[in-house]
């Protein structure tokens, strides 16, 4: 499998503690509130409140076998994702692209870099992620990139405001899987 070149001027680096405020703002802007509505990844119709917080972001950074990847263009944070080693497979999460830049290939480049890390650096043969099952357009995006739906659902944590305030019943996370070989 060949990794596509990143859009011009895009660079990747592991995020560090000094990046936490900018990362939280980026993730929040991509998924919740009015700013998220300018991009196509918004969850504002499903969830209100926070998508993440500084403590959760630091926990991700401090988790062994995990990289919180920052994508920058001309020194400016434009996207991020979590890549983790978990029991023989990779896990992809905490994915965000600045709303005004969505649709320009940044997301594809970030996903490709995460898959490259899992495959080439860690020798893993499968990537997994969970997506809110009601997000059909987002699931279709991942299916176009080789992920398949498993039908395996995990209930949304309605009683934990750290994940947001659900605006409808029946939310669940679906496991998606992609072979990396």
C-alpha atoms as a PDB file:
ATOM      1  CA  UNK A   1       0.000   0.000   0.000  1.00  0.00           C
ATOM      2  CA  UNK A   2       1.371   3.390  -0.973  1.00  0.00           C
ATOM      3  CA  UNK A   3       0.887   6.455   1.190  1.00  0.00           C
ATOM      4  CA  UNK A   4      -0.371   9.427  -0.806  1.00  0.00           C
ATOM      5  CA  UNK A   5       1.735  12.561  -0.520  1.00  0.00           C
ATOM      6  CA  UNK A   6       0.447  15.066   1.998  1.00  0.00           C
ATOM      7  CA  UNK A   7      -1.122  18.252   0.642  1.00  0.00           C
ATOM      8  CA  UNK A   8       1.506  20.904  -0.017  1.00  0.00           C
ATOM      9  CA  UNK A   9       3.131  22.277   3.090  1.00  0.00           C
ATOM     10  CA  UNK A  10       1.564  19.767   5.501  1.00  0.00           C
ATOM     11  CA  UNK A  11       3.874  18.328   8.158  1.00  0.00           C
ATOM     12  CA  UNK A  12       3.311  15.921  11.030  1.00  0.00           C
ATOM     13  CA  UNK A  13       4.769  15.775  14.526  1.00  0.00           C
ATOM     14  CA  UNK A  14       3.861  14.250  17.881  1.00  0.00           C
ATOM     15  CA  UNK A  15       1.858  16.748  19.930  1.00  0.00           C
ATOM     16  CA  UNK A  16       3.106  17.727  23.355  1.00  0.00           C
ATOM     17  CA  UNK A  17       1.676  19.286  26.521  1.00  0.00           C
ATOM     18  CA  UNK A  18       2.088  22.839  25.177  1.00  0.00           C
ATOM     19  CA  UNK A  19      -0.282  21.912  22.314  1.00  0.00           C
ATOM     20  CA  UNK A  20      -3.205  20.947  24.584  1.00  0.00           C
ATOM     21  CA  UNK A  21      -5.149  24.266  24.439  1.00  0.00           C
ATOM     22  CA  UNK A  22      -4.894  24.455  20.625  1.00  0.00           C
ATOM     23  CA  UNK A  23      -5.798  20.770  20.215  1.00  0.00           C
ATOM     24  CA  UNK A  24      -8.880  21.062  22.444  1.00  0.00           C
ATOM     25  CA  UNK A  25     -10.006  24.137  20.483  1.00  0.00           C
ATOM     26  CA  UNK A  26      -9.423  22.357  17.158  1.00  0.00           C
ATOM     27  CA  UNK A  27     -11.376  19.238  18.137  1.00  0.00           C
ATOM     28  CA  UNK A  28     -14.199  21.301  19.611  1.00  0.00           C
ATOM     29  CA  UNK A  29     -14.430  23.488  16.493  1.00  0.00           C
ATOM     30  CA  UNK A  30     -14.617  20.468  14.178  1.00  0.00           C
ATOM     31  CA  UNK A  31     -17.462  18.703  15.984  1.00  0.00           C
ATOM     32  CA  UNK A  32     -19.503  20.960  18.256  1.00  0.00           C
ATOM     33  CA  UNK A  33     -21.023  24.406  18.307  1.00  0.00           C
ATOM     34  CA  UNK A  34     -21.634  26.907  15.549  1.00  0.00           C
ATOM     35  CA  UNK A  35     -18.077  26.822  14.191  1.00  0.00           C
ATOM     36  CA  UNK A  36     -18.437  23.106  13.445  1.00  0.00           C
ATOM     37  CA  UNK A  37     -21.382  23.782  11.126  1.00  0.00           C
ATOM     38  CA  UNK A  38     -19.051  25.315   8.521  1.00  0.00           C
ATOM     39  CA  UNK A  39     -17.470  21.872   8.030  1.00  0.00           C
ATOM     40  CA  UNK A  40     -19.098  18.555   7.199  1.00  0.00           C
ATOM     41  CA  UNK A  41     -17.894  16.657  10.293  1.00  0.00           C
ATOM     42  CA  UNK A  42     -20.191  18.448  12.732  1.00  0.00           C
ATOM     43  CA  UNK A  43     -21.968  16.454  15.433  1.00  0.00           C
ATOM     44  CA  UNK A  44     -23.829  19.551  16.650  1.00  0.00           C
ATOM     45  CA  UNK A  45     -27.177  18.066  15.567  1.00  0.00           C
ATOM     46  CA  UNK A  46     -26.508  14.987  17.730  1.00  0.00           C
ATOM     47  CA  UNK A  47     -24.509  16.326  20.666  1.00  0.00           C
ATOM     48  CA  UNK A  48     -24.003  19.626  22.441  1.00  0.00           C
ATOM     49  CA  UNK A  49     -21.377  20.564  24.988  1.00  0.00           C
ATOM     50  CA  UNK A  50     -17.754  19.562  24.890  1.00  0.00           C
ATOM     51  CA  UNK A  51     -16.148  16.999  22.604  1.00  0.00           C
ATOM     52  CA  UNK A  52     -12.993  16.828  24.728  1.00  0.00           C
ATOM     53  CA  UNK A  53     -11.249  18.715  27.506  1.00  0.00           C
ATOM     54  CA  UNK A  54      -7.640  19.422  28.503  1.00  0.00           C
ATOM     55  CA  UNK A  55      -7.522  16.542  30.994  1.00  0.00           C
ATOM     56  CA  UNK A  56      -8.734  14.016  28.407  1.00  0.00           C
ATOM     57  CA  UNK A  57      -6.281  15.359  25.837  1.00  0.00           C
ATOM     58  CA  UNK A  58      -3.393  14.999  28.305  1.00  0.00           C
ATOM     59  CA  UNK A  59      -4.543  11.457  29.159  1.00  0.00           C
ATOM     60  CA  UNK A  60      -4.378  10.524  25.474  1.00  0.00           C
ATOM     61  CA  UNK A  61      -0.860  11.976  25.205  1.00  0.00           C
ATOM     62  CA  UNK A  62       0.325  10.116  28.300  1.00  0.00           C
ATOM     63  CA  UNK A  63      -1.103   6.721  27.324  1.00  0.00           C
ATOM     64  CA  UNK A  64       1.700   4.249  26.550  1.00  0.00           C
ATOM     65  CA  UNK A  65       1.704   3.139  22.903  1.00  0.00           C
ATOM     66  CA  UNK A  66      -0.205   6.241  21.799  1.00  0.00           C
ATOM     67  CA  UNK A  67       0.790   9.193  19.640  1.00  0.00           C
ATOM     68  CA  UNK A  68      -1.328  12.300  19.384  1.00  0.00           C
ATOM     69  CA  UNK A  69      -0.338  13.498  15.938  1.00  0.00           C
ATOM     70  CA  UNK A  70      -0.412  17.204  15.099  1.00  0.00           C
ATOM     71  CA  UNK A  71      -0.681  18.201  11.439  1.00  0.00           C
ATOM     72  CA  UNK A  72       0.610  21.672  10.655  1.00  0.00           C
ATOM     73  CA  UNK A  73       0.768  23.917   7.644  1.00  0.00           C
ATOM     74  CA  UNK A  74       3.242  26.804   7.859  1.00  0.00           C
ATOM     75  CA  UNK A  75       3.536  26.230  11.615  1.00  0.00           C
ATOM     76  CA  UNK A  76      -0.228  26.425  12.181  1.00  0.00           C
ATOM     77  CA  UNK A  77      -2.195  23.495  13.631  1.00  0.00           C
ATOM     78  CA  UNK A  78      -4.754  22.403  11.011  1.00  0.00           C
ATOM     79  CA  UNK A  79      -5.564  18.792  11.985  1.00  0.00           C
ATOM     80  CA  UNK A  80      -4.859  16.109  14.548  1.00  0.00           C
ATOM     81  CA  UNK A  81      -5.485  12.464  15.366  1.00  0.00           C
ATOM     82  CA  UNK A  82      -4.715   9.790  17.908  1.00  0.00           C
ATOM     83  CA  UNK A  83      -2.870   6.664  16.782  1.00  0.00           C
ATOM     84  CA  UNK A  84      -2.559   3.868  19.332  1.00  0.00           C
ATOM     85  CA  UNK A  85      -1.292   0.297  19.580  1.00  0.00           C
ATOM     86  CA  UNK A  86      -3.948  -1.884  21.177  1.00  0.00           C
ATOM     87  CA  UNK A  87      -3.716  -5.661  21.534  1.00  0.00           C
ATOM     88  CA  UNK A  88      -2.298  -6.405  18.085  1.00  0.00           C
ATOM     89  CA  UNK A  89      -4.091  -3.700  16.102  1.00  0.00           C
ATOM     90  CA  UNK A  90      -3.992   0.044  15.644  1.00  0.00           C
ATOM     91  CA  UNK A  91      -6.649   2.433  16.903  1.00  0.00           C
ATOM     92  CA  UNK A  92      -7.490   5.722  15.191  1.00  0.00           C
ATOM     93  CA  UNK A  93      -9.323   8.440  17.101  1.00  0.00           C
ATOM     94  CA  UNK A  94      -9.432  12.086  18.222  1.00  0.00           C
ATOM     95  CA  UNK A  95      -9.495  13.022  14.525  1.00  0.00           C
ATOM     96  CA  UNK A  96     -10.169  16.644  13.638  1.00  0.00           C
ATOM     97  CA  UNK A  97      -9.581  18.947  10.686  1.00  0.00           C
ATOM     98  CA  UNK A  98     -10.197  22.675  10.970  1.00  0.00           C
ATOM     99  CA  UNK A  99     -13.746  23.193   9.586  1.00  0.00           C
ATOM    100  CA  UNK A 100     -12.832  25.805   6.970  1.00  0.00           C
ATOM    101  CA  UNK A 101     -10.166  23.482   5.543  1.00  0.00           C
ATOM    102  CA  UNK A 102     -12.279  20.322   5.338  1.00  0.00           C
ATOM    103  CA  UNK A 103     -12.683  18.849   1.883  1.00  0.00           C
ATOM    104  CA  UNK A 104      -9.186  19.856   0.735  1.00  0.00           C
ATOM    105  CA  UNK A 105      -7.468  16.492   1.272  1.00  0.00           C
ATOM    106  CA  UNK A 106      -6.083  17.164   4.756  1.00  0.00           C
ATOM    107  CA  UNK A 107      -8.204  14.442   6.351  1.00  0.00           C
ATOM    108  CA  UNK A 108      -7.079  11.854   3.803  1.00  0.00           C
ATOM    109  CA  UNK A 109      -3.456  12.799   4.437  1.00  0.00           C
ATOM    110  CA  UNK A 110      -3.815  12.577   8.228  1.00  0.00           C
ATOM    111  CA  UNK A 111      -5.583   9.201   8.009  1.00  0.00           C
ATOM    112  CA  UNK A 112      -2.899   7.906   5.604  1.00  0.00           C
ATOM    113  CA  UNK A 113      -0.128   9.019   7.988  1.00  0.00           C
ATOM    114  CA  UNK A 114      -1.842   7.316  10.939  1.00  0.00           C
ATOM    115  CA  UNK A 115      -2.155   4.109   8.927  1.00  0.00           C
ATOM    116  CA  UNK A 116       1.483   4.378   7.857  1.00  0.00           C
ATOM    117  CA  UNK A 117       2.613   4.696  11.475  1.00  0.00           C
ATOM    118  CA  UNK A 118       0.573   1.642  12.497  1.00  0.00           C
ATOM    119  CA  UNK A 119       1.727  -0.442   9.507  1.00  0.00           C
ATOM    120  CA  UNK A 120       5.349   0.603   8.987  1.00  0.00           C
ATOM    121  CA  UNK A 121       6.535   1.843  12.372  1.00  0.00           C
ATOM    122  CA  UNK A 122       4.607  -0.600  14.558  1.00  0.00           C
ATOM    123  CA  UNK A 123       4.161  -3.583  12.192  1.00  0.00           C
ATOM    124  CA  UNK A 124       0.389  -3.781  12.720  1.00  0.00           C
ATOM    125  CA  UNK A 125      -1.936  -5.316  10.131  1.00  0.00           C
ATOM    126  CA  UNK A 126      -5.270  -3.789  11.137  1.00  0.00           C
ATOM    127  CA  UNK A 127      -6.627  -0.369  12.080  1.00  0.00           C
ATOM    128  CA  UNK A 128      -9.787   0.090  14.137  1.00  0.00           C
ATOM    129  CA  UNK A 129     -11.925   3.058  15.044  1.00  0.00           C
ATOM    130  CA  UNK A 130     -15.332   3.770  16.494  1.00  0.00           C
ATOM    131  CA  UNK A 131     -17.798   6.190  14.911  1.00  0.00           C
ATOM    132  CA  UNK A 132     -21.229   7.289  16.098  1.00  0.00           C
ATOM    133  CA  UNK A 133     -23.474   4.950  14.095  1.00  0.00           C
ATOM    134  CA  UNK A 134     -25.889   7.789  13.209  1.00  0.00           C
ATOM    135  CA  UNK A 135     -23.061   9.531  11.295  1.00  0.00           C
ATOM    136  CA  UNK A 136     -23.781   7.828   7.962  1.00  0.00           C
ATOM    137  CA  UNK A 137     -21.866  10.404   5.881  1.00  0.00           C
ATOM    138  CA  UNK A 138     -18.778   9.992   8.065  1.00  0.00           C
ATOM    139  CA  UNK A 139     -18.997   6.202   7.943  1.00  0.00           C
ATOM    140  CA  UNK A 140     -19.303   6.427   4.138  1.00  0.00           C
ATOM    141  CA  UNK A 141     -16.115   8.562   4.111  1.00  0.00           C
ATOM    142  CA  UNK A 142     -14.237   5.821   5.966  1.00  0.00           C
ATOM    143  CA  UNK A 143     -15.743   3.078   3.795  1.00  0.00           C
ATOM    144  CA  UNK A 144     -14.362   4.857   0.718  1.00  0.00           C
ATOM    145  CA  UNK A 145     -10.959   4.571   2.401  1.00  0.00           C
ATOM    146  CA  UNK A 146     -11.201   0.815   2.931  1.00  0.00           C
ATOM    147  CA  UNK A 147     -12.848   0.560   6.355  1.00  0.00           C
ATOM    148  CA  UNK A 148     -15.730  -1.832   6.830  1.00  0.00           C
ATOM    149  CA  UNK A 149     -18.613  -1.738   9.249  1.00  0.00           C
ATOM    150  CA  UNK A 150     -18.665  -4.572  11.736  1.00  0.00           C
ATOM    151  CA  UNK A 151     -22.137  -4.039  13.180  1.00  0.00           C
ATOM    152  CA  UNK A 152     -20.506  -4.196  16.626  1.00  0.00           C
ATOM    153  CA  UNK A 153     -22.095  -1.405  18.672  1.00  0.00           C
ATOM    154  CA  UNK A 154     -21.183   0.108  22.023  1.00  0.00           C
ATOM    155  CA  UNK A 155     -23.774   2.308  23.738  1.00  0.00           C
ATOM    156  CA  UNK A 156     -23.013   6.019  23.937  1.00  0.00           C
ATOM    157  CA  UNK A 157     -22.120   7.096  27.519  1.00  0.00           C
ATOM    158  CA  UNK A 158     -25.261   9.184  28.124  1.00  0.00           C
ATOM    159  CA  UNK A 159     -24.379   9.633  31.793  1.00  0.00           C
ATOM    160  CA  UNK A 160     -20.905  11.134  31.162  1.00  0.00           C
ATOM    161  CA  UNK A 161     -20.989  14.812  30.145  1.00  0.00           C
ATOM    162  CA  UNK A 162     -17.289  14.646  29.217  1.00  0.00           C
ATOM    163  CA  UNK A 163     -18.462  13.165  25.889  1.00  0.00           C
ATOM    164  CA  UNK A 164     -21.158  15.772  25.285  1.00  0.00           C
ATOM    165  CA  UNK A 165     -24.866  16.229  25.862  1.00  0.00           C
ATOM    166  CA  UNK A 166     -26.882  13.887  23.601  1.00  0.00           C
ATOM    167  CA  UNK A 167     -29.723  15.517  21.694  1.00  0.00           C
ATOM    168  CA  UNK A 168     -31.482  12.274  20.806  1.00  0.00           C
ATOM    169  CA  UNK A 169     -31.870   8.728  22.116  1.00  0.00           C
ATOM    170  CA  UNK A 170     -30.285   5.646  20.611  1.00  0.00           C
ATOM    171  CA  UNK A 171     -26.755   6.892  19.994  1.00  0.00           C
ATOM    172  CA  UNK A 172     -24.070   4.212  19.809  1.00  0.00           C
ATOM    173  CA  UNK A 173     -20.507   3.787  18.569  1.00  0.00           C
ATOM    174  CA  UNK A 174     -19.897   1.334  15.717  1.00  0.00           C
ATOM    175  CA  UNK A 175     -16.574  -0.417  15.273  1.00  0.00           C
ATOM    176  CA  UNK A 176     -14.967   0.014  11.840  1.00  0.00           C
ATOM    177  CA  UNK A 177     -11.962  -2.083  10.742  1.00  0.00           C
ATOM    178  CA  UNK A 178      -9.449  -1.867   7.909  1.00  0.00           C
ATOM    179  CA  UNK A 179      -6.694  -4.328   7.011  1.00  0.00           C
ATOM    180  CA  UNK A 180      -3.357  -2.523   6.650  1.00  0.00           C
ATOM    181  CA  UNK A 181      -1.641  -5.084   4.426  1.00  0.00           C
END
